[in-house]
Amino acid sequence: MVLGTGEAEFEPIRGEPHLTLVAGVQGGFHVWASFMAYGFSAERVGMTLTTSLDGVDDSSLVMHAQLSTRDALDEAGLPMRAFAGFPAQIKNARCANAHRVRIELSLTDPDDEGSAGDMRFCIADVAPVYQLADCP
């Protein structure tokens, strides 16, 4: 399994890139999470996605979902299942600018035929208009 980003299609996360936190319509902020999964035959997979600010206590946010994936080929032409565009929320995002964000993703096959996981870091970019001045 490979964790990436991208709203409409998978984009790899290389190194620790700066990712812009997107302001959601309900007031939350997120980065787009996408993935490629190898060895999964089921179209629907269970997902657990956890985000946290590196070194900041009580910043962990856990999200669960059942997602429909699609058949695809990776850059080398190998078959895999792909998903793009899950809004990975960031807790206290208005205070997250320039913080290192840990993103951890676990997938499970609904028939208990396997599981996979990946973890990446990025640096949060929050637009100045959304940043709070009185962050701890």
N, C-alpha and C. Protein backbone atom coordinates (compact mmCIF):
# COMPACT_ATOMS: atom_id res chain seq x y z
N MET A 1 0.84 -1.17 0.00
CA MET A 1 0.00 0.00 0.00
C MET A 1 0.88 1.23 0.00
N VAL A 2 0.47 2.25 -0.74
CA VAL A 2 1.22 3.49 -0.80
C VAL A 2 0.26 4.65 -0.54
N LEU A 3 0.54 5.40 0.51
CA LEU A 3 -0.26 6.57 0.87
C LEU A 3 0.23 7.76 0.05
N GLY A 4 -0.71 8.51 -0.46
CA GLY A 4 -0.37 9.71 -1.23
C GLY A 4 -1.36 10.81 -0.94
N THR A 5 -1.43 11.76 -1.85
CA THR A 5 -2.37 12.87 -1.75
C THR A 5 -3.06 13.01 -3.10
N GLY A 6 -3.88 14.02 -3.24
CA GLY A 6 -4.57 14.25 -4.50
C GLY A 6 -6.07 14.17 -4.33
N GLU A 7 -6.76 15.19 -4.82
CA GLU A 7 -8.22 15.23 -4.71
C GLU A 7 -8.91 14.36 -5.75
N ALA A 8 -8.41 14.37 -6.99
CA ALA A 8 -9.07 13.64 -8.06
C ALA A 8 -8.32 12.38 -8.49
N GLU A 9 -7.01 12.35 -8.29
CA GLU A 9 -6.22 11.17 -8.59
C GLU A 9 -5.02 11.10 -7.68
N PHE A 10 -4.48 9.90 -7.57
CA PHE A 10 -3.35 9.65 -6.67
C PHE A 10 -2.15 10.49 -7.07
N GLU A 11 -1.54 11.13 -6.09
CA GLU A 11 -0.26 11.84 -6.26
C GLU A 11 0.65 11.35 -5.14
N PRO A 12 1.83 10.85 -5.47
CA PRO A 12 2.72 10.34 -4.42
C PRO A 12 3.19 11.46 -3.48
N ILE A 13 3.42 11.08 -2.23
CA ILE A 13 4.03 11.99 -1.26
C ILE A 13 5.50 11.60 -1.19
N ARG A 14 6.36 12.48 -1.68
CA ARG A 14 7.80 12.22 -1.66
C ARG A 14 8.45 13.15 -0.66
N GLY A 15 9.28 12.60 0.20
CA GLY A 15 9.92 13.41 1.22
C GLY A 15 8.88 13.92 2.21
N GLU A 16 9.01 15.17 2.61
CA GLU A 16 8.05 15.82 3.50
C GLU A 16 7.59 17.12 2.85
N PRO A 17 6.69 16.99 1.88
CA PRO A 17 6.27 18.18 1.14
C PRO A 17 5.39 19.11 1.97
N HIS A 18 5.33 20.34 1.58
CA HIS A 18 4.37 21.29 2.14
C HIS A 18 3.04 21.03 1.44
N LEU A 19 1.99 20.75 2.21
CA LEU A 19 0.66 20.53 1.66
C LEU A 19 -0.28 21.58 2.23
N THR A 20 -1.01 22.23 1.33
CA THR A 20 -1.96 23.25 1.74
C THR A 20 -3.17 22.61 2.40
N LEU A 21 -3.52 23.09 3.60
CA LEU A 21 -4.73 22.62 4.25
C LEU A 21 -5.92 23.31 3.58
N VAL A 22 -6.88 22.52 3.17
CA VAL A 22 -8.06 23.01 2.48
C VAL A 22 -9.14 23.33 3.50
N ALA A 23 -9.75 24.50 3.40
CA ALA A 23 -10.85 24.87 4.28
C ALA A 23 -12.12 24.19 3.78
N GLY A 24 -12.71 23.34 4.62
CA GLY A 24 -13.93 22.65 4.26
C GLY A 24 -15.16 23.52 4.48
N VAL A 25 -16.27 23.11 3.89
CA VAL A 25 -17.50 23.90 3.97
C VAL A 25 -18.11 23.89 5.37
N GLN A 26 -17.75 22.93 6.21
CA GLN A 26 -18.31 22.86 7.56
C GLN A 26 -17.35 23.41 8.61
N GLY A 27 -16.31 24.12 8.18
CA GLY A 27 -15.42 24.77 9.13
C GLY A 27 -14.15 24.01 9.45
N GLY A 28 -14.03 22.76 9.03
CA GLY A 28 -12.82 21.99 9.28
C GLY A 28 -11.78 22.23 8.21
N PHE A 29 -10.58 21.69 8.43
CA PHE A 29 -9.49 21.80 7.47
C PHE A 29 -8.92 20.41 7.24
N HIS A 30 -8.50 20.15 6.02
CA HIS A 30 -7.99 18.82 5.69
C HIS A 30 -6.94 18.89 4.59
N VAL A 31 -6.24 17.78 4.45
CA VAL A 31 -5.40 17.51 3.28
C VAL A 31 -6.08 16.36 2.55
N TRP A 32 -5.88 16.27 1.26
CA TRP A 32 -6.46 15.16 0.50
C TRP A 32 -5.59 13.93 0.67
N ALA A 33 -6.20 12.82 1.05
CA ALA A 33 -5.49 11.54 1.17
C ALA A 33 -5.94 10.62 0.04
N SER A 34 -4.98 9.98 -0.60
CA SER A 34 -5.24 9.02 -1.67
C SER A 34 -4.32 7.84 -1.44
N PHE A 35 -4.62 6.72 -2.07
CA PHE A 35 -3.75 5.56 -1.91
C PHE A 35 -3.80 4.62 -3.10
N MET A 36 -2.75 3.82 -3.20
CA MET A 36 -2.69 2.68 -4.11
C MET A 36 -2.52 1.45 -3.23
N ALA A 37 -3.28 0.41 -3.52
CA ALA A 37 -3.20 -0.81 -2.71
C ALA A 37 -2.98 -2.02 -3.62
N TYR A 38 -2.00 -2.82 -3.26
CA TYR A 38 -1.66 -4.01 -4.03
C TYR A 38 -2.16 -5.25 -3.29
N GLY A 39 -2.64 -6.24 -4.03
CA GLY A 39 -3.04 -7.51 -3.44
C GLY A 39 -4.44 -7.53 -2.87
N PHE A 40 -5.21 -6.47 -3.04
CA PHE A 40 -6.59 -6.45 -2.59
C PHE A 40 -7.49 -6.78 -3.77
N SER A 41 -8.39 -7.74 -3.59
CA SER A 41 -9.29 -8.09 -4.68
C SER A 41 -10.66 -7.44 -4.52
N ALA A 42 -11.06 -7.15 -3.29
CA ALA A 42 -12.37 -6.56 -3.03
C ALA A 42 -12.40 -5.10 -3.48
N GLU A 43 -13.53 -4.70 -4.04
CA GLU A 43 -13.69 -3.30 -4.45
C GLU A 43 -13.77 -2.39 -3.23
N ARG A 44 -14.49 -2.82 -2.19
CA ARG A 44 -14.63 -2.01 -0.98
C ARG A 44 -13.61 -2.46 0.07
N VAL A 45 -12.97 -1.48 0.69
CA VAL A 45 -12.00 -1.76 1.75
C VAL A 45 -12.33 -0.91 2.97
N GLY A 46 -11.94 -1.41 4.13
CA GLY A 46 -12.08 -0.64 5.35
C GLY A 46 -10.84 0.23 5.54
N MET A 47 -11.05 1.46 5.95
CA MET A 47 -9.93 2.38 6.12
C MET A 47 -9.96 2.99 7.51
N THR A 48 -8.78 3.08 8.12
CA THR A 48 -8.58 3.86 9.33
C THR A 48 -7.48 4.86 9.00
N LEU A 49 -7.78 6.13 9.16
CA LEU A 49 -6.83 7.20 8.84
C LEU A 49 -6.64 8.04 10.09
N THR A 50 -5.39 8.22 10.49
CA THR A 50 -5.08 9.00 11.68
C THR A 50 -4.14 10.14 11.30
N THR A 51 -4.49 11.35 11.73
CA THR A 51 -3.61 12.50 11.55
C THR A 51 -3.23 13.04 12.92
N SER A 52 -2.03 13.58 13.03
CA SER A 52 -1.60 14.22 14.27
C SER A 52 -0.47 15.19 13.95
N LEU A 53 -0.33 16.19 14.80
CA LEU A 53 0.79 17.11 14.68
C LEU A 53 1.96 16.50 15.43
N ASP A 54 3.06 16.34 14.75
CA ASP A 54 4.23 15.69 15.32
C ASP A 54 4.69 16.44 16.57
N GLY A 55 4.76 15.73 17.69
CA GLY A 55 5.23 16.31 18.94
C GLY A 55 4.20 17.13 19.70
N VAL A 56 2.94 17.14 19.25
CA VAL A 56 1.90 17.91 19.93
C VAL A 56 0.91 16.94 20.57
N ASP A 57 0.88 16.92 21.90
CA ASP A 57 -0.05 16.04 22.61
C ASP A 57 -1.49 16.39 22.26
N ASP A 58 -2.36 15.40 22.30
CA ASP A 58 -3.79 15.56 22.09
C ASP A 58 -4.13 16.16 20.72
N SER A 59 -3.32 15.87 19.71
CA SER A 59 -3.63 16.38 18.37
C SER A 59 -4.07 15.27 17.42
N SER A 60 -4.19 14.05 17.93
CA SER A 60 -4.56 12.91 17.09
C SER A 60 -6.04 12.95 16.74
N LEU A 61 -6.33 12.67 15.48
CA LEU A 61 -7.71 12.60 15.00
C LEU A 61 -7.83 11.33 14.17
N VAL A 62 -8.77 10.43 14.53
CA VAL A 62 -8.92 9.15 13.87
C VAL A 62 -10.22 9.15 13.07
N MET A 63 -10.12 8.77 11.80
CA MET A 63 -11.29 8.70 10.91
C MET A 63 -11.41 7.27 10.38
N HIS A 64 -12.65 6.78 10.27
CA HIS A 64 -12.92 5.44 9.74
C HIS A 64 -13.87 5.57 8.56
N ALA A 65 -13.69 4.73 7.55
CA ALA A 65 -14.58 4.74 6.40
C ALA A 65 -14.51 3.40 5.67
N GLN A 66 -15.56 3.10 4.94
CA GLN A 66 -15.58 2.00 3.98
C GLN A 66 -15.54 2.67 2.62
N LEU A 67 -14.51 2.38 1.84
CA LEU A 67 -14.30 3.09 0.58
C LEU A 67 -14.37 2.15 -0.61
N SER A 68 -14.91 2.64 -1.71
CA SER A 68 -14.92 1.90 -2.97
C SER A 68 -13.68 2.29 -3.76
N THR A 69 -12.89 1.30 -4.11
CA THR A 69 -11.67 1.54 -4.88
C THR A 69 -11.93 1.17 -6.33
N ARG A 70 -10.97 1.52 -7.19
CA ARG A 70 -11.11 1.17 -8.61
C ARG A 70 -9.86 0.42 -9.05
N ASP A 71 -10.04 -0.45 -10.04
CA ASP A 71 -8.89 -1.13 -10.65
C ASP A 71 -8.06 -0.10 -11.40
N ALA A 72 -6.75 -0.22 -11.29
CA ALA A 72 -5.85 0.69 -11.99
C ALA A 72 -4.50 0.02 -12.16
N LEU A 73 -3.62 0.69 -12.89
CA LEU A 73 -2.25 0.24 -13.07
C LEU A 73 -1.33 1.30 -12.52
N ASP A 74 -0.25 0.89 -11.85
CA ASP A 74 0.71 1.87 -11.34
C ASP A 74 1.64 2.31 -12.48
N GLU A 75 2.64 3.14 -12.14
CA GLU A 75 3.56 3.67 -13.16
C GLU A 75 4.34 2.58 -13.88
N ALA A 76 4.52 1.43 -13.22
CA ALA A 76 5.26 0.32 -13.82
C ALA A 76 4.33 -0.65 -14.56
N GLY A 77 3.03 -0.34 -14.58
CA GLY A 77 2.07 -1.20 -15.25
C GLY A 77 1.55 -2.34 -14.41
N LEU A 78 1.82 -2.32 -13.10
CA LEU A 78 1.36 -3.38 -12.21
C LEU A 78 -0.07 -3.10 -11.77
N PRO A 79 -0.90 -4.15 -11.69
CA PRO A 79 -2.29 -3.95 -11.26
C PRO A 79 -2.38 -3.63 -9.77
N MET A 80 -3.32 -2.77 -9.44
CA MET A 80 -3.55 -2.38 -8.05
C MET A 80 -4.95 -1.81 -7.96
N ARG A 81 -5.35 -1.47 -6.74
CA ARG A 81 -6.62 -0.79 -6.49
C ARG A 81 -6.27 0.63 -6.08
N ALA A 82 -7.06 1.61 -6.50
CA ALA A 82 -6.74 3.01 -6.21
C ALA A 82 -7.95 3.73 -5.65
N PHE A 83 -7.65 4.74 -4.83
CA PHE A 83 -8.67 5.64 -4.30
C PHE A 83 -8.05 7.03 -4.22
N ALA A 84 -8.85 8.05 -4.53
CA ALA A 84 -8.36 9.43 -4.45
C ALA A 84 -9.40 10.31 -3.79
N GLY A 85 -8.92 11.25 -2.96
CA GLY A 85 -9.76 12.32 -2.49
C GLY A 85 -10.47 12.15 -1.17
N PHE A 86 -9.88 11.47 -0.19
CA PHE A 86 -10.50 11.44 1.14
C PHE A 86 -10.02 12.65 1.93
N PRO A 87 -10.96 13.42 2.52
CA PRO A 87 -10.56 14.62 3.28
C PRO A 87 -10.01 14.26 4.67
N ALA A 88 -8.70 14.16 4.78
CA ALA A 88 -8.03 13.83 6.04
C ALA A 88 -7.99 15.08 6.92
N GLN A 89 -8.86 15.11 7.91
CA GLN A 89 -8.98 16.31 8.75
C GLN A 89 -7.78 16.45 9.68
N ILE A 90 -7.48 17.69 10.02
CA ILE A 90 -6.39 18.03 10.93
C ILE A 90 -6.99 18.73 12.14
N LYS A 91 -6.77 18.17 13.32
CA LYS A 91 -7.28 18.77 14.55
C LYS A 91 -6.55 20.08 14.84
N ASN A 92 -7.29 21.11 15.27
CA ASN A 92 -6.72 22.43 15.56
C ASN A 92 -5.91 22.97 14.39
N ALA A 93 -6.45 22.81 13.19
CA ALA A 93 -5.72 23.15 11.97
C ALA A 93 -5.34 24.62 11.88
N ARG A 94 -6.11 25.51 12.47
CA ARG A 94 -5.78 26.94 12.39
C ARG A 94 -4.47 27.26 13.10
N CYS A 95 -4.01 26.33 13.93
CA CYS A 95 -2.73 26.50 14.63
C CYS A 95 -1.65 25.56 14.08
N ALA A 96 -1.90 24.95 12.95
CA ALA A 96 -0.99 23.93 12.42
C ALA A 96 0.00 24.45 11.39
N ASN A 97 -0.07 25.71 11.03
CA ASN A 97 0.81 26.21 9.97
C ASN A 97 2.28 25.93 10.31
N ALA A 98 2.99 25.39 9.34
CA ALA A 98 4.42 25.07 9.42
C ALA A 98 4.73 23.89 10.35
N HIS A 99 3.70 23.24 10.89
CA HIS A 99 3.91 22.05 11.73
C HIS A 99 4.05 20.82 10.85
N ARG A 100 4.82 19.88 11.37
CA ARG A 100 4.97 18.57 10.73
C ARG A 100 3.74 17.74 11.08
N VAL A 101 3.05 17.23 10.06
CA VAL A 101 1.83 16.44 10.25
C VAL A 101 2.12 14.98 9.91
N ARG A 102 1.74 14.10 10.82
CA ARG A 102 1.87 12.66 10.59
C ARG A 102 0.53 12.16 10.06
N ILE A 103 0.57 11.44 8.93
CA ILE A 103 -0.63 10.85 8.34
C ILE A 103 -0.40 9.35 8.26
N GLU A 104 -1.26 8.59 8.92
CA GLU A 104 -1.13 7.13 8.95
C GLU A 104 -2.42 6.51 8.43
N LEU A 105 -2.29 5.57 7.49
CA LEU A 105 -3.44 4.93 6.86
C LEU A 105 -3.32 3.43 6.96
N SER A 106 -4.42 2.78 7.37
CA SER A 106 -4.49 1.32 7.40
C SER A 106 -5.70 0.89 6.60
N LEU A 107 -5.53 -0.15 5.80
CA LEU A 107 -6.63 -0.72 5.01
C LEU A 107 -6.84 -2.16 5.43
N THR A 108 -8.10 -2.59 5.41
CA THR A 108 -8.42 -3.99 5.68
C THR A 108 -9.38 -4.49 4.61
N ASP A 109 -9.19 -5.74 4.25
CA ASP A 109 -10.08 -6.41 3.31
C ASP A 109 -11.33 -6.80 4.07
N PRO A 110 -12.52 -6.56 3.53
CA PRO A 110 -13.75 -6.90 4.27
C PRO A 110 -13.91 -8.39 4.54
N ASP A 111 -13.25 -9.21 3.76
CA ASP A 111 -13.31 -10.66 3.95
C ASP A 111 -12.15 -11.16 4.80
N ASP A 112 -11.47 -10.25 5.50
CA ASP A 112 -10.32 -10.57 6.35
C ASP A 112 -9.23 -11.32 5.60
N GLU A 113 -9.07 -10.98 4.32
CA GLU A 113 -8.04 -11.63 3.52
C GLU A 113 -6.72 -10.88 3.57
N GLY A 114 -6.67 -9.78 4.31
CA GLY A 114 -5.41 -9.08 4.40
C GLY A 114 -5.58 -7.66 4.88
N SER A 115 -4.44 -7.06 5.17
CA SER A 115 -4.43 -5.66 5.58
C SER A 115 -3.10 -5.06 5.14
N ALA A 116 -3.07 -3.74 5.12
CA ALA A 116 -1.84 -3.04 4.72
C ALA A 116 -1.88 -1.65 5.33
N GLY A 117 -0.72 -1.03 5.43
CA GLY A 117 -0.66 0.31 5.99
C GLY A 117 0.55 1.08 5.50
N ASP A 118 0.48 2.39 5.66
CA ASP A 118 1.58 3.26 5.30
C ASP A 118 1.47 4.52 6.15
N MET A 119 2.59 5.20 6.32
CA MET A 119 2.63 6.43 7.10
C MET A 119 3.56 7.41 6.40
N ARG A 120 3.14 8.67 6.37
CA ARG A 120 3.94 9.72 5.74
C ARG A 120 3.87 10.98 6.60
N PHE A 121 4.80 11.88 6.37
CA PHE A 121 4.80 13.19 6.99
C PHE A 121 4.68 14.26 5.92
N CYS A 122 4.06 15.37 6.29
CA CYS A 122 4.03 16.55 5.44
C CYS A 122 4.13 17.76 6.35
N ILE A 123 4.34 18.91 5.77
CA ILE A 123 4.35 20.17 6.51
C ILE A 123 3.07 20.91 6.14
N ALA A 124 2.32 21.32 7.15
CA ALA A 124 1.03 21.98 6.91
C ALA A 124 1.23 23.43 6.49
N ASP A 125 0.56 23.80 5.43
CA ASP A 125 0.50 25.20 5.00
C ASP A 125 -0.94 25.67 5.20
N VAL A 126 -1.13 26.65 6.05
CA VAL A 126 -2.44 27.23 6.31
C VAL A 126 -2.41 28.67 5.81
N ALA A 127 -3.37 29.02 4.97
CA ALA A 127 -3.43 30.38 4.43
C ALA A 127 -3.50 31.38 5.59
N PRO A 128 -2.80 32.52 5.47
CA PRO A 128 -2.79 33.51 6.56
C PRO A 128 -4.18 33.92 7.04
N VAL A 129 -5.14 33.99 6.15
CA VAL A 129 -6.49 34.41 6.53
C VAL A 129 -7.13 33.44 7.54
N TYR A 130 -6.68 32.16 7.53
CA TYR A 130 -7.26 31.16 8.43
C TYR A 130 -6.44 30.93 9.69
N GLN A 131 -5.21 31.43 9.76
CA GLN A 131 -4.36 31.20 10.92
C GLN A 131 -4.85 31.98 12.15
N LEU A 132 -4.72 31.36 13.31
CA LEU A 132 -5.03 32.04 14.57
C LEU A 132 -3.75 32.64 15.14
N ALA A 133 -3.89 33.81 15.73
CA ALA A 133 -2.72 34.48 16.30
C ALA A 133 -2.40 34.01 17.71
N ASP A 134 -3.38 33.47 18.41
CA ASP A 134 -3.18 33.08 19.81
C ASP A 134 -3.09 31.56 19.99
N CYS A 135 -2.25 30.93 19.21
CA CYS A 135 -2.07 29.48 19.31
C CYS A 135 -1.11 29.14 20.44
N PRO A 136 -1.37 27.99 21.09
CA PRO A 136 -0.47 27.56 22.18
C PRO A 136 0.90 27.20 21.65
